[in-house]
Structure formats: structure tokens, C-alpha cells
Amino acid sequence: MSDEFESATAEVPKGWYPMPDGRQRYWDGVRWTENFTTQPPTHQKLEKRHRNLVLLGWALGILVVVILGVAVVRILHLESQQQQIYDQIRRDIDNVRP
């Protein structure tokens, strides 16, 4: 039975693993060490940074779409106002003609 246990634990790679209390503990490939940390290992920091960058990218993308949408609506509104002014000038000119 100990051979099965040793072969099973030998397959687990060295590294930091989460503990139930939220801390991390280091597995040296053979046994648990007395090394604990509250900070995630480097790969988790990179994953968190990547996730934050993805969220930032989405937020910036949405912001660009909103700004472009507002710009298009504003341009269309200005064109509509110009058309109304043009139509008013035409009516005024038609009213002045004998």
C-alpha cells in the first residue's frame, strides 16, 4: 500500500498549493514543507494580470463604441439642424419673392 501512495504522490509536481485556510503551502515533490505564504505564486499573479488586462481591453472597447455612437448621433443631429435651417431659408426666400 505504501508503494501505491508513494507513486501517487511522486506524480504531483513541486509547487505552491492552496490550503483550506486561504494560505499556500509548498509541496517539494515528496512531502509538504513548512513554507507557507499568503501571496499567490507568480503564475497566479500573471493570470490575474492577464484577466485584468482583458477586462481593461473590454472596458476600453466599450468606451470607444460609446464615443463613436455619440459622435455619429451628434453629426446626424447637426445635419438635421442644418437641413431645418436650409428649409427655413428657402421658405423665407419664397415668401419674399413677388
Protein backbone atom coordinates (compact mmCIF):
# COMPACT_ATOMS: atom_id res chain seq x y z
CA MET A 1 0.00 0.00 0.00
CA SER A 2 2.83 2.44 0.71
CA ASP A 3 4.17 1.82 -2.84
CA GLU A 4 0.84 3.00 -4.27
CA PHE A 5 0.89 6.09 -2.06
CA GLU A 6 4.48 6.94 -2.98
CA SER A 7 3.86 6.53 -6.72
CA ALA A 8 0.71 8.66 -6.49
CA THR A 9 2.48 11.47 -4.62
CA ALA A 10 5.51 11.32 -6.92
CA GLU A 11 3.27 12.36 -9.81
CA VAL A 12 2.30 15.61 -8.10
CA PRO A 13 4.66 18.37 -9.32
CA LYS A 14 6.56 20.64 -6.98
CA GLY A 15 4.85 23.91 -6.31
CA TRP A 16 2.59 26.06 -4.18
CA TYR A 17 -0.84 24.65 -3.45
CA PRO A 18 -3.84 26.30 -1.77
CA MET A 19 -4.72 25.32 1.77
CA PRO A 20 -8.29 25.42 3.14
CA ASP A 21 -7.44 28.45 5.28
CA GLY A 22 -6.55 30.55 2.21
CA ARG A 23 -2.79 30.31 2.60
CA GLN A 24 -0.50 28.49 0.18
CA ARG A 25 1.83 25.66 1.14
CA TYR A 26 4.84 24.36 -0.76
CA TRP A 27 4.97 20.73 -1.94
CA ASP A 28 8.58 19.76 -2.69
CA GLY A 29 7.61 16.78 -4.80
CA VAL A 30 7.95 14.34 -1.91
CA ARG A 31 6.41 15.97 1.16
CA TRP A 32 4.80 19.14 2.42
CA THR A 33 7.32 21.68 3.67
CA GLU A 34 6.75 24.15 6.49
CA ASN A 35 6.82 27.01 3.98
CA PHE A 36 3.57 28.97 3.84
CA THR A 37 2.68 32.15 2.01
CA THR A 38 -0.36 34.37 1.75
CA GLN A 39 0.68 35.67 -1.64
CA PRO A 40 -0.14 33.71 -4.77
CA PRO A 41 2.74 32.31 -6.78
CA THR A 42 3.99 34.08 -9.88
CA HIS A 43 1.83 32.20 -12.37
CA GLN A 44 -1.30 33.22 -10.47
CA LYS A 45 -0.15 36.84 -10.46
CA LEU A 46 0.33 36.62 -14.21
CA GLU A 47 -3.11 35.08 -14.66
CA LYS A 48 -4.65 37.85 -12.56
CA ARG A 49 -2.77 40.50 -14.54
CA HIS A 50 -3.91 38.89 -17.79
CA ARG A 51 -7.52 38.83 -16.58
CA ASN A 52 -7.27 42.50 -15.56
CA LEU A 53 -5.82 43.42 -18.95
CA VAL A 54 -8.63 41.56 -20.71
CA LEU A 55 -11.20 43.41 -18.60
CA LEU A 56 -9.45 46.70 -19.32
CA GLY A 57 -9.49 45.90 -23.03
CA TRP A 58 -13.21 45.19 -22.95
CA ALA A 59 -13.87 48.39 -20.99
CA LEU A 60 -11.84 50.46 -23.44
CA GLY A 61 -13.55 48.77 -26.38
CA ILE A 62 -16.97 49.56 -24.98
CA LEU A 63 -15.89 53.14 -24.29
CA VAL A 64 -14.72 53.57 -27.89
CA VAL A 65 -18.02 52.19 -29.22
CA VAL A 66 -19.99 54.56 -26.98
CA ILE A 67 -17.89 57.57 -28.01
CA LEU A 68 -18.26 56.70 -31.70
CA GLY A 69 -22.00 56.21 -31.23
CA VAL A 70 -22.35 59.61 -29.56
CA ALA A 71 -20.28 61.22 -32.33
CA VAL A 72 -22.47 59.67 -35.06
CA VAL A 73 -25.68 60.76 -33.32
CA ARG A 74 -24.27 64.28 -32.86
CA ILE A 75 -23.26 64.51 -36.53
CA LEU A 76 -26.68 63.30 -37.65
CA HIS A 77 -28.34 65.79 -35.32
CA LEU A 78 -26.22 68.65 -36.72
CA GLU A 79 -27.08 67.62 -40.28
CA SER A 80 -30.75 67.62 -39.32
CA GLN A 81 -30.41 71.11 -37.84
CA GLN A 82 -28.62 72.33 -40.97
CA GLN A 83 -31.41 70.90 -43.13
CA GLN A 84 -34.02 72.67 -40.98
CA ILE A 85 -32.13 75.97 -41.31
CA TYR A 86 -31.82 75.44 -45.05
CA ASP A 87 -35.56 74.71 -45.34
CA GLN A 88 -36.40 77.82 -43.28
CA ILE A 89 -34.20 80.00 -45.51
CA ARG A 90 -35.91 78.55 -48.62
CA ARG A 91 -39.35 79.35 -47.13
CA ASP A 92 -38.22 82.86 -46.24
CA ILE A 93 -36.88 83.41 -49.76
CA ASP A 94 -40.12 82.07 -51.27
CA ASN A 95 -42.15 84.42 -49.03
CA VAL A 96 -40.09 87.44 -50.11
CA ARG A 97 -40.45 86.81 -53.86
CA PRO A 98 -43.20 88.83 -55.57
